[in-house]
Protein backbone atom coordinates (compact mmCIF):
# COMPACT_ATOMS: atom_id res chain seq x y z
CA MET A 1 113.15 113.84 72.22
CA THR A 2 115.07 114.01 75.46
CA SER A 3 118.62 114.97 76.33
CA ASP A 4 119.03 112.00 78.67
CA ASP A 5 121.05 110.13 76.06
CA ALA A 6 123.69 112.85 76.22
CA GLY A 7 126.80 110.70 76.60
CA ALA A 8 128.66 111.43 73.37
CA PRO A 9 130.17 114.80 72.46
CA PRO A 10 128.38 116.82 69.76
CA THR A 11 129.29 115.89 66.22
CA VAL A 12 127.74 118.94 64.56
CA MET A 13 129.06 122.38 65.50
CA PHE A 14 127.09 125.63 65.17
CA HIS A 15 129.16 126.75 62.16
CA GLU A 16 128.28 123.48 60.40
CA MET A 17 124.52 124.04 60.69
CA GLY A 18 124.30 126.59 57.86
CA LEU A 19 123.49 129.47 60.21
CA ASP A 20 123.63 133.14 59.22
CA ASP A 21 126.96 134.82 60.03
CA ARG A 22 125.22 137.39 62.26
CA LEU A 23 123.69 134.60 64.29
CA LEU A 24 127.04 132.80 64.55
CA LYS A 25 128.59 136.06 65.77
CA ALA A 26 125.94 136.38 68.50
CA ILE A 27 126.41 132.73 69.49
CA ALA A 28 130.17 133.31 69.83
CA LYS A 29 129.51 136.48 71.84
CA LEU A 30 127.41 134.40 74.24
CA GLY A 31 130.36 132.05 74.68
CA TRP A 32 128.55 129.06 73.22
CA THR A 33 131.42 127.06 71.74
CA LYS A 34 129.44 123.96 70.82
CA PRO A 35 125.78 122.97 70.91
CA THR A 36 124.42 121.13 73.89
CA PRO A 37 122.99 117.66 73.19
CA ILE A 38 119.41 119.00 73.02
CA GLN A 39 120.51 121.80 70.67
CA GLU A 40 122.47 119.42 68.45
CA LYS A 41 119.37 117.28 67.99
CA ALA A 42 116.67 119.97 67.82
CA ILE A 43 118.23 122.74 65.71
CA PRO A 44 118.74 120.73 62.49
CA LEU A 45 115.24 119.22 62.72
CA ILE A 46 113.59 122.61 63.26
CA LEU A 47 115.61 124.11 60.40
CA GLU A 48 114.25 121.32 58.18
CA GLY A 49 110.73 122.45 59.12
CA LYS A 50 109.95 119.52 61.37
CA ASP A 51 107.90 119.86 64.54
CA VAL A 52 109.89 119.03 67.65
CA LEU A 53 108.69 118.23 71.14
CA ALA A 54 111.73 118.20 73.42
CA ARG A 55 112.32 117.67 77.10
CA ALA A 56 115.53 118.27 79.02
CA ARG A 57 116.78 119.44 82.39
CA THR A 58 116.96 123.05 83.49
CA GLY A 59 120.08 124.69 82.10
CA SER A 60 120.48 122.19 79.26
CA GLY A 61 120.07 124.74 76.46
CA LYS A 62 116.43 124.22 75.51
CA THR A 63 115.86 127.93 74.85
CA GLY A 64 118.81 128.00 72.45
CA GLY A 65 117.46 124.82 70.90
CA PHE A 66 114.40 126.62 69.59
CA ALA A 67 115.63 130.23 69.55
CA VAL A 68 118.59 129.65 67.21
CA PRO A 69 116.49 128.10 64.41
CA LEU A 70 113.73 130.66 65.02
CA VAL A 71 116.14 133.57 64.46
CA GLN A 72 117.73 131.75 61.50
CA LYS A 73 114.35 131.30 59.81
CA LEU A 74 113.45 134.97 60.38
CA LEU A 75 116.78 136.12 58.91
CA TYR A 76 116.35 133.78 55.94
CA ALA A 77 112.84 135.12 55.26
CA LYS A 78 114.22 138.67 55.28
CA SER A 79 117.14 137.85 52.98
CA THR A 80 114.99 136.06 50.39
CA GLY A 81 112.28 138.69 50.32
CA GLU A 82 109.67 136.35 51.80
CA GLU A 83 108.84 139.03 54.34
CA LEU A 84 107.06 141.72 52.39
CA SER A 85 105.59 143.69 55.27
CA PRO A 86 106.43 144.14 58.94
CA VAL A 87 104.26 141.52 60.61
CA VAL A 88 104.56 139.16 63.54
CA ARG A 89 106.45 136.12 62.30
CA ALA A 90 106.87 134.25 65.57
CA LEU A 91 105.17 134.07 68.94
CA VAL A 92 106.80 132.32 71.87
CA LEU A 93 104.55 131.43 74.78
CA ALA A 94 105.95 130.70 78.23
CA PRO A 95 104.19 129.42 81.36
CA SER A 96 105.58 132.14 83.67
CA LYS A 97 106.68 135.76 83.51
CA GLU A 98 110.14 134.81 84.71
CA LEU A 99 110.60 132.30 81.90
CA CYS A 100 109.20 134.84 79.44
CA HIS A 101 111.86 137.34 80.55
CA GLN A 102 114.60 134.71 80.28
CA ILE A 103 113.54 133.74 76.76
CA HIS A 104 113.31 137.40 75.76
CA ARG A 105 116.83 138.07 77.07
CA ASN A 106 118.15 135.09 75.09
CA LEU A 107 116.42 136.23 71.91
CA VAL A 108 117.72 139.79 72.33
CA GLN A 109 121.24 138.41 72.75
CA LEU A 110 120.89 136.14 69.72
CA THR A 111 119.66 139.04 67.57
CA SER A 112 122.26 141.54 68.84
CA SER A 113 124.19 141.42 65.55
CA CYS A 114 121.10 141.61 63.34
CA SER A 115 120.54 145.40 63.55
CA ASP A 116 116.85 145.96 62.78
CA SER A 117 116.33 142.74 60.83
CA VAL A 118 114.76 141.00 63.83
CA ARG A 119 113.03 142.62 66.79
CA CYS A 120 111.91 140.97 70.01
CA VAL A 121 109.26 142.23 72.39
CA ASP A 122 108.39 140.95 75.86
CA VAL A 123 104.66 141.47 76.38
CA SER A 124 104.38 139.64 79.70
CA GLY A 125 103.28 142.83 81.41
CA GLN A 126 105.96 143.13 84.06
CA LYS A 127 109.48 144.45 83.83
CA MET A 128 112.17 142.34 85.46
CA VAL A 129 115.02 144.18 87.12
CA ASP A 130 118.38 142.69 86.24
CA PRO A 131 120.55 142.19 89.34
């Protein structure tokens, strides 16, 4: 899947994807008004449980494309009682510390309205100083 065929405007909005209200609140807080082409394609597929291999340019919304359904699935597991004990439910690997910090920041922002339902930890071993 690539975002190169990104000519048409999105037809599916975030609020039409069946996302948790807390996640929608965080998305609105981030100022994301509509999904990017890569997000519009990837999020529904990931929510259906399909594996997705996606490629798109820097700044195209790839992190949101996997982070939104990741948080949604974690919140769903909590709400249905599928999570019986506090265990690691997701592990995101990144090829650099900088990208790890960026992904962590995005996940923290996306879970900002989830209280203690979802926690994110950056274990890359180096603290980044925000400018």
